[in-house]
């Protein structure tokens, strides 16, 4: 439990440094994370940069969603 909480706190901190202004990060379940962005262009840029900036922070089996008012993308779980 403590290890999981430490990983979550570290992930929150690292993502706050990586995400563009206006985007927020939330946990949907133990294996799915959501990044909400203010518009399509920012969400699309976050999605394009996920492999280099966000996936290295996730553990195996975890997935990522990027959403905006007119944008939705969901990854396959990380291997």
PDB file of N, CA and C in Angstrom:
ATOM      1  N   UNK A   1       0.825  -1.198   0.000  1.00  0.00           N
ATOM      2  CA  UNK A   1       0.000   0.000   0.000  1.00  0.00           C
ATOM      3  C   UNK A   1       0.869   1.261   0.000  1.00  0.00           C
ATOM      4  N   UNK A   2       1.889   1.304   0.849  1.00  0.00           N
ATOM      5  CA  UNK A   2       2.735   2.484   0.924  1.00  0.00           C
ATOM      6  C   UNK A   2       3.518   2.655  -0.380  1.00  0.00           C
ATOM      7  N   UNK A   3       4.025   1.542  -0.941  1.00  0.00           N
ATOM      8  CA  UNK A   3       4.760   1.617  -2.210  1.00  0.00           C
ATOM      9  C   UNK A   3       3.870   2.179  -3.308  1.00  0.00           C
ATOM     10  N   UNK A   4       2.630   1.729  -3.368  1.00  0.00           N
ATOM     11  CA  UNK A   4       1.690   2.209  -4.375  1.00  0.00           C
ATOM     12  C   UNK A   4       1.439   3.706  -4.203  1.00  0.00           C
ATOM     13  N   UNK A   5       1.296   4.144  -2.966  1.00  0.00           N
ATOM     14  CA  UNK A   5       1.047   5.554  -2.697  1.00  0.00           C
ATOM     15  C   UNK A   5       2.269   6.403  -3.066  1.00  0.00           C
ATOM     16  N   UNK A   6       3.469   5.897  -2.770  1.00  0.00           N
ATOM     17  CA  UNK A   6       4.685   6.619  -3.137  1.00  0.00           C
ATOM     18  C   UNK A   6       4.810   6.750  -4.645  1.00  0.00           C
ATOM     19  N   UNK A   7       4.514   5.660  -5.367  1.00  0.00           N
ATOM     20  CA  UNK A   7       4.576   5.710  -6.828  1.00  0.00           C
ATOM     21  C   UNK A   7       3.583   6.734  -7.352  1.00  0.00           C
ATOM     22  N   UNK A   8       2.373   6.765  -6.804  1.00  0.00           N
ATOM     23  CA  UNK A   8       1.353   7.707  -7.258  1.00  0.00           C
ATOM     24  C   UNK A   8       1.790   9.141  -6.996  1.00  0.00           C
ATOM     25  N   UNK A   9       2.350   9.420  -5.822  1.00  0.00           N
ATOM     26  CA  UNK A   9       2.800  10.773  -5.508  1.00  0.00           C
ATOM     27  C   UNK A   9       3.933  11.200  -6.438  1.00  0.00           C
ATOM     28  N   UNK A  10       4.864  10.299  -6.709  1.00  0.00           N
ATOM     29  CA  UNK A  10       5.970  10.605  -7.619  1.00  0.00           C
ATOM     30  C   UNK A  10       5.446  10.828  -9.032  1.00  0.00           C
ATOM     31  N   UNK A  11       4.501   9.999  -9.460  1.00  0.00           N
ATOM     32  CA  UNK A  11       3.915  10.143 -10.790  1.00  0.00           C
ATOM     33  C   UNK A  11       3.194  11.479 -10.907  1.00  0.00           C
ATOM     34  N   UNK A  12       2.428  11.856  -9.895  1.00  0.00           N
ATOM     35  CA  UNK A  12       1.734  13.152  -9.899  1.00  0.00           C
ATOM     36  C   UNK A  12       2.727  14.304 -10.058  1.00  0.00           C
ATOM     37  N   UNK A  13       3.799  14.263  -9.298  1.00  0.00           N
ATOM     38  CA  UNK A  13       4.795  15.322  -9.354  1.00  0.00           C
ATOM     39  C   UNK A  13       5.465  15.386 -10.725  1.00  0.00           C
ATOM     40  N   UNK A  14       5.898  14.252 -11.240  1.00  0.00           N
ATOM     41  CA  UNK A  14       6.563  14.238 -12.542  1.00  0.00           C
ATOM     42  C   UNK A  14       5.641  14.699 -13.665  1.00  0.00           C
ATOM     43  N   UNK A  15       4.398  14.267 -13.622  1.00  0.00           N
ATOM     44  CA  UNK A  15       3.462  14.694 -14.669  1.00  0.00           C
ATOM     45  C   UNK A  15       3.155  16.181 -14.577  1.00  0.00           C
ATOM     46  N   UNK A  16       3.135  16.722 -13.371  1.00  0.00           N
ATOM     47  CA  UNK A  16       2.893  18.157 -13.249  1.00  0.00           C
ATOM     48  C   UNK A  16       4.006  18.963 -13.921  1.00  0.00           C
ATOM     49  N   UNK A  17       5.198  18.389 -14.006  1.00  0.00           N
ATOM     50  CA  UNK A  17       6.311  19.062 -14.674  1.00  0.00           C
ATOM     51  C   UNK A  17       6.281  18.877 -16.191  1.00  0.00           C
ATOM     52  N   UNK A  18       5.695  17.780 -16.655  1.00  0.00           N
ATOM     53  CA  UNK A  18       5.709  17.424 -18.078  1.00  0.00           C
ATOM     54  C   UNK A  18       4.505  17.976 -18.832  1.00  0.00           C
ATOM     55  N   UNK A  19       3.355  18.050 -18.175  1.00  0.00           N
ATOM     56  CA  UNK A  19       2.129  18.435 -18.878  1.00  0.00           C
ATOM     57  C   UNK A  19       2.075  19.925 -19.180  1.00  0.00           C
ATOM     58  N   UNK A  20       1.472  20.289 -20.308  1.00  0.00           N
ATOM     59  CA  UNK A  20       1.303  21.706 -20.635  1.00  0.00           C
ATOM     60  C   UNK A  20       0.344  22.397 -19.658  1.00  0.00           C
ATOM     61  N   UNK A  21       0.463  23.709 -19.594  1.00  0.00           N
ATOM     62  CA  UNK A  21      -0.419  24.513 -18.750  1.00  0.00           C
ATOM     63  C   UNK A  21      -1.876  24.259 -19.139  1.00  0.00           C
ATOM     64  N   UNK A  22      -2.727  24.077 -18.160  1.00  0.00           N
ATOM     65  CA  UNK A  22      -4.149  23.866 -18.396  1.00  0.00           C
ATOM     66  C   UNK A  22      -4.555  22.410 -18.396  1.00  0.00           C
ATOM     67  N   UNK A  23      -3.606  21.497 -18.485  1.00  0.00           N
ATOM     68  CA  UNK A  23      -3.925  20.070 -18.458  1.00  0.00           C
ATOM     69  C   UNK A  23      -3.887  19.574 -17.020  1.00  0.00           C
ATOM     70  N   UNK A  24      -4.756  18.622 -16.725  1.00  0.00           N
ATOM     71  CA  UNK A  24      -4.772  18.027 -15.391  1.00  0.00           C
ATOM     72  C   UNK A  24      -4.721  16.509 -15.513  1.00  0.00           C
ATOM     73  N   UNK A  25      -4.295  15.877 -14.442  1.00  0.00           N
ATOM     74  CA  UNK A  25      -4.057  14.437 -14.404  1.00  0.00           C
ATOM     75  C   UNK A  25      -4.942  13.833 -13.336  1.00  0.00           C
ATOM     76  N   UNK A  26      -5.628  12.746 -13.666  1.00  0.00           N
ATOM     77  CA  UNK A  26      -6.451  12.069 -12.663  1.00  0.00           C
ATOM     78  C   UNK A  26      -6.331  10.559 -12.830  1.00  0.00           C
ATOM     79  N   UNK A  27      -6.672   9.846 -11.768  1.00  0.00           N
ATOM     80  CA  UNK A  27      -6.616   8.395 -11.743  1.00  0.00           C
ATOM     81  C   UNK A  27      -8.040   7.874 -11.891  1.00  0.00           C
ATOM     82  N   UNK A  28      -8.281   7.068 -12.938  1.00  0.00           N
ATOM     83  CA  UNK A  28      -9.603   6.479 -13.127  1.00  0.00           C
ATOM     84  C   UNK A  28      -9.719   5.139 -12.424  1.00  0.00           C
ATOM     85  N   UNK A  29      -8.631   4.385 -12.407  1.00  0.00           N
ATOM     86  CA  UNK A  29      -8.577   3.090 -11.723  1.00  0.00           C
ATOM     87  C   UNK A  29      -7.110   2.795 -11.434  1.00  0.00           C
ATOM     88  N   UNK A  30      -6.833   1.627 -10.882  1.00  0.00           N
ATOM     89  CA  UNK A  30      -5.445   1.256 -10.603  1.00  0.00           C
ATOM     90  C   UNK A  30      -4.599   1.184 -11.865  1.00  0.00           C
ATOM     91  N   UNK A  31      -5.253   1.008 -13.008  1.00  0.00           N
ATOM     92  CA  UNK A  31      -4.477   0.808 -14.236  1.00  0.00           C
ATOM     93  C   UNK A  31      -4.762   1.829 -15.334  1.00  0.00           C
ATOM     94  N   UNK A  32      -5.613   2.817 -15.083  1.00  0.00           N
ATOM     95  CA  UNK A  32      -5.943   3.802 -16.110  1.00  0.00           C
ATOM     96  C   UNK A  32      -5.805   5.217 -15.568  1.00  0.00           C
ATOM     97  N   UNK A  33      -5.067   6.026 -16.307  1.00  0.00           N
ATOM     98  CA  UNK A  33      -4.855   7.426 -15.953  1.00  0.00           C
ATOM     99  C   UNK A  33      -5.432   8.309 -17.047  1.00  0.00           C
ATOM    100  N   UNK A  34      -5.983   9.449 -16.654  1.00  0.00           N
ATOM    101  CA  UNK A  34      -6.581  10.373 -17.615  1.00  0.00           C
ATOM    102  C   UNK A  34      -5.900  11.735 -17.528  1.00  0.00           C
ATOM    103  N   UNK A  35      -5.585  12.271 -18.697  1.00  0.00           N
ATOM    104  CA  UNK A  35      -5.095  13.636 -18.791  1.00  0.00           C
ATOM    105  C   UNK A  35      -6.169  14.437 -19.511  1.00  0.00           C
ATOM    106  N   UNK A  36      -6.679  15.454 -18.841  1.00  0.00           N
ATOM    107  CA  UNK A  36      -7.703  16.327 -19.412  1.00  0.00           C
ATOM    108  C   UNK A  36      -7.048  17.633 -19.835  1.00  0.00           C
ATOM    109  N   UNK A  37      -7.307  18.017 -21.072  1.00  0.00           N
ATOM    110  CA  UNK A  37      -6.699  19.227 -21.634  1.00  0.00           C
ATOM    111  C   UNK A  37      -7.791  20.217 -22.030  1.00  0.00           C
ATOM    112  N   UNK A  38      -7.448  21.509 -22.110  1.00  0.00           N
ATOM    113  CA  UNK A  38      -8.473  22.514 -22.387  1.00  0.00           C
ATOM    114  C   UNK A  38      -8.985  22.539 -23.824  1.00  0.00           C
ATOM    115  N   UNK A  39      -8.203  22.055 -24.792  1.00  0.00           N
ATOM    116  CA  UNK A  39      -8.687  22.072 -26.172  1.00  0.00           C
ATOM    117  C   UNK A  39      -8.042  20.963 -27.002  1.00  0.00           C
ATOM    118  N   UNK A  40      -8.532  20.828 -28.215  1.00  0.00           N
ATOM    119  CA  UNK A  40      -8.110  19.768 -29.119  1.00  0.00           C
ATOM    120  C   UNK A  40      -6.615  19.813 -29.412  1.00  0.00           C
ATOM    121  N   UNK A  41      -6.097  21.002 -29.721  1.00  0.00           N
ATOM    122  CA  UNK A  41      -4.697  21.116 -30.127  1.00  0.00           C
ATOM    123  C   UNK A  41      -3.736  20.696 -29.025  1.00  0.00           C
ATOM    124  N   UNK A  42      -4.022  21.106 -27.801  1.00  0.00           N
ATOM    125  CA  UNK A  42      -3.154  20.728 -26.684  1.00  0.00           C
ATOM    126  C   UNK A  42      -3.268  19.235 -26.419  1.00  0.00           C
ATOM    127  N   UNK A  43      -4.494  18.705 -26.445  1.00  0.00           N
ATOM    128  CA  UNK A  43      -4.696  17.269 -26.220  1.00  0.00           C
ATOM    129  C   UNK A  43      -3.964  16.448 -27.285  1.00  0.00           C
ATOM    130  N   UNK A  44      -4.036  16.883 -28.514  1.00  0.00           N
ATOM    131  CA  UNK A  44      -3.363  16.161 -29.593  1.00  0.00           C
ATOM    132  C   UNK A  44      -1.845  16.204 -29.407  1.00  0.00           C
ATOM    133  N   UNK A  45      -1.307  17.315 -28.973  1.00  0.00           N
ATOM    134  CA  UNK A  45       0.134  17.435 -28.733  1.00  0.00           C
ATOM    135  C   UNK A  45       0.561  16.525 -27.576  1.00  0.00           C
ATOM    136  N   UNK A  46      -0.244  16.467 -26.507  1.00  0.00           N
ATOM    137  CA  UNK A  46       0.053  15.563 -25.385  1.00  0.00           C
ATOM    138  C   UNK A  46       0.043  14.120 -25.877  1.00  0.00           C
ATOM    139  N   UNK A  47      -0.952  13.776 -26.686  1.00  0.00           N
ATOM    140  CA  UNK A  47      -1.046  12.410 -27.207  1.00  0.00           C
ATOM    141  C   UNK A  47       0.159  12.070 -28.079  1.00  0.00           C
ATOM    142  N   UNK A  48       0.585  13.006 -28.927  1.00  0.00           N
ATOM    143  CA  UNK A  48       1.747  12.763 -29.785  1.00  0.00           C
ATOM    144  C   UNK A  48       3.025  12.566 -28.968  1.00  0.00           C
ATOM    145  N   UNK A  49       3.129  13.239 -27.839  1.00  0.00           N
ATOM    146  CA  UNK A  49       4.341  13.176 -27.018  1.00  0.00           C
ATOM    147  C   UNK A  49       4.285  12.105 -25.928  1.00  0.00           C
ATOM    148  N   UNK A  50       3.222  11.331 -25.873  1.00  0.00           N
ATOM    149  CA  UNK A  50       3.037  10.363 -24.783  1.00  0.00           C
ATOM    150  C   UNK A  50       4.150   9.323 -24.712  1.00  0.00           C
ATOM    151  N   UNK A  51       4.621   8.849 -25.849  1.00  0.00           N
ATOM    152  CA  UNK A  51       5.599   7.765 -25.861  1.00  0.00           C
ATOM    153  C   UNK A  51       6.906   8.198 -25.208  1.00  0.00           C
ATOM    154  N   UNK A  52       7.351   9.405 -25.487  1.00  0.00           N
ATOM    155  CA  UNK A  52       8.618   9.874 -24.940  1.00  0.00           C
ATOM    156  C   UNK A  52       8.497  10.504 -23.557  1.00  0.00           C
ATOM    157  N   UNK A  53       7.367  11.139 -23.267  1.00  0.00           N
ATOM    158  CA  UNK A  53       7.254  11.917 -22.027  1.00  0.00           C
ATOM    159  C   UNK A  53       6.446  11.238 -20.925  1.00  0.00           C
ATOM    160  N   UNK A  54       5.452  10.446 -21.280  1.00  0.00           N
ATOM    161  CA  UNK A  54       4.531   9.928 -20.263  1.00  0.00           C
ATOM    162  C   UNK A  54       4.671   8.427 -20.060  1.00  0.00           C
ATOM    163  N   UNK A  55       4.755   7.652 -21.139  1.00  0.00           N
ATOM    164  CA  UNK A  55       4.840   6.196 -20.982  1.00  0.00           C
ATOM    165  C   UNK A  55       6.000   5.734 -20.108  1.00  0.00           C
ATOM    166  N   UNK A  56       7.174   6.382 -20.151  1.00  0.00           N
ATOM    167  CA  UNK A  56       8.248   5.923 -19.262  1.00  0.00           C
ATOM    168  C   UNK A  56       7.897   6.033 -17.776  1.00  0.00           C
ATOM    169  N   UNK A  57       6.912   6.860 -17.446  1.00  0.00           N
ATOM    170  CA  UNK A  57       6.507   7.039 -16.049  1.00  0.00           C
ATOM    171  C   UNK A  57       5.492   5.997 -15.593  1.00  0.00           C
ATOM    172  N   UNK A  58       4.868   5.292 -16.541  1.00  0.00           N
ATOM    173  CA  UNK A  58       3.846   4.301 -16.202  1.00  0.00           C
ATOM    174  C   UNK A  58       4.461   2.934 -15.957  1.00  0.00           C
ATOM    175  N   UNK A  59       3.746   2.139 -15.163  1.00  0.00           N
ATOM    176  CA  UNK A  59       4.160   0.757 -14.920  1.00  0.00           C
ATOM    177  C   UNK A  59       3.489  -0.160 -15.943  1.00  0.00           C
ATOM    178  N   UNK A  60       4.009  -1.370 -16.041  1.00  0.00           N
ATOM    179  CA  UNK A  60       3.447  -2.366 -16.939  1.00  0.00           C
ATOM    180  C   UNK A  60       1.965  -2.586 -16.614  1.00  0.00           C
ATOM    181  N   UNK A  61       1.137  -2.659 -17.649  1.00  0.00           N
ATOM    182  CA  UNK A  61      -0.295  -2.892 -17.481  1.00  0.00           C
ATOM    183  C   UNK A  61      -1.119  -1.631 -17.339  1.00  0.00           C
ATOM    184  N   UNK A  62      -0.479  -0.478 -17.194  1.00  0.00           N
ATOM    185  CA  UNK A  62      -1.220   0.768 -17.037  1.00  0.00           C
ATOM    186  C   UNK A  62      -1.498   1.390 -18.400  1.00  0.00           C
ATOM    187  N   UNK A  63      -2.647   2.063 -18.492  1.00  0.00           N
ATOM    188  CA  UNK A  63      -3.072   2.690 -19.745  1.00  0.00           C
ATOM    189  C   UNK A  63      -3.286   4.185 -19.515  1.00  0.00           C
ATOM    190  N   UNK A  64      -3.345   4.925 -20.608  1.00  0.00           N
ATOM    191  CA  UNK A  64      -3.475   6.374 -20.555  1.00  0.00           C
ATOM    192  C   UNK A  64      -4.615   6.820 -21.457  1.00  0.00           C
ATOM    193  N   UNK A  65      -5.406   7.765 -20.971  1.00  0.00           N
ATOM    194  CA  UNK A  65      -6.422   8.436 -21.773  1.00  0.00           C
ATOM    195  C   UNK A  65      -6.062   9.912 -21.838  1.00  0.00           C
ATOM    196  N   UNK A  66      -6.255  10.505 -23.010  1.00  0.00           N
ATOM    197  CA  UNK A  66      -6.097  11.947 -23.165  1.00  0.00           C
ATOM    198  C   UNK A  66      -7.421  12.462 -23.709  1.00  0.00           C
ATOM    199  N   UNK A  67      -8.005  13.448 -23.024  1.00  0.00           N
ATOM    200  CA  UNK A  67      -9.320  13.952 -23.404  1.00  0.00           C
ATOM    201  C   UNK A  67      -9.340  15.480 -23.441  1.00  0.00           C
ATOM    202  N   UNK A  68     -10.238  15.992 -24.261  1.00  0.00           N
ATOM    203  CA  UNK A  68     -10.601  17.407 -24.311  1.00  0.00           C
ATOM    204  C   UNK A  68     -12.065  17.428 -24.716  1.00  0.00           C
ATOM    205  N   UNK A  69     -12.640  18.605 -24.844  1.00  0.00           N
ATOM    206  CA  UNK A  69     -14.072  18.666 -25.158  1.00  0.00           C
ATOM    207  C   UNK A  69     -14.405  17.967 -26.472  1.00  0.00           C
ATOM    208  N   UNK A  70     -13.506  17.981 -27.429  1.00  0.00           N
ATOM    209  CA  UNK A  70     -13.752  17.339 -28.720  1.00  0.00           C
ATOM    210  C   UNK A  70     -12.620  16.383 -29.104  1.00  0.00           C
ATOM    211  N   UNK A  71     -12.018  15.743 -28.093  1.00  0.00           N
ATOM    212  CA  UNK A  71     -10.873  14.862 -28.345  1.00  0.00           C
ATOM    213  C   UNK A  71     -10.892  13.716 -27.338  1.00  0.00           C
ATOM    214  N   UNK A  72     -10.601  12.499 -27.823  1.00  0.00           N
ATOM    215  CA  UNK A  72     -10.473  11.343 -26.941  1.00  0.00           C
ATOM    216  C   UNK A  72      -9.501  10.350 -27.572  1.00  0.00           C
ATOM    217  N   UNK A  73      -8.508   9.945 -26.802  1.00  0.00           N
ATOM    218  CA  UNK A  73      -7.578   8.910 -27.247  1.00  0.00           C
ATOM    219  C   UNK A  73      -7.243   8.043 -26.040  1.00  0.00           C
ATOM    220  N   UNK A  74      -7.135   6.733 -26.277  1.00  0.00           N
ATOM    221  CA  UNK A  74      -6.821   5.798 -25.193  1.00  0.00           C
ATOM    222  C   UNK A  74      -5.754   4.838 -25.684  1.00  0.00           C
ATOM    223  N   UNK A  75      -4.732   4.646 -24.851  1.00  0.00           N
ATOM    224  CA  UNK A  75      -3.649   3.740 -25.226  1.00  0.00           C
ATOM    225  C   UNK A  75      -3.991   2.303 -24.844  1.00  0.00           C
ATOM    226  N   UNK A  76      -3.247   1.390 -25.412  1.00  0.00           N
ATOM    227  CA  UNK A  76      -3.265   0.012 -24.926  1.00  0.00           C
ATOM    228  C   UNK A  76      -2.434  -0.026 -23.659  1.00  0.00           C
ATOM    229  N   UNK A  77      -2.673  -1.003 -22.797  1.00  0.00           N
ATOM    230  CA  UNK A  77      -1.845  -1.085 -21.577  1.00  0.00           C
ATOM    231  C   UNK A  77      -0.366  -1.220 -21.938  1.00  0.00           C
ATOM    232  N   UNK A  78       0.466  -0.571 -21.138  1.00  0.00           N
ATOM    233  CA  UNK A  78       1.907  -0.638 -21.347  1.00  0.00           C
ATOM    234  C   UNK A  78       2.392  -2.053 -21.108  1.00  0.00           C
ATOM    235  N   UNK A  79       3.268  -2.517 -21.945  1.00  0.00           N
ATOM    236  CA  UNK A  79       3.811  -3.875 -21.817  1.00  0.00           C
ATOM    237  C   UNK A  79       5.059  -3.847 -20.968  1.00  0.00           C
TER     238      UNK A  79
END
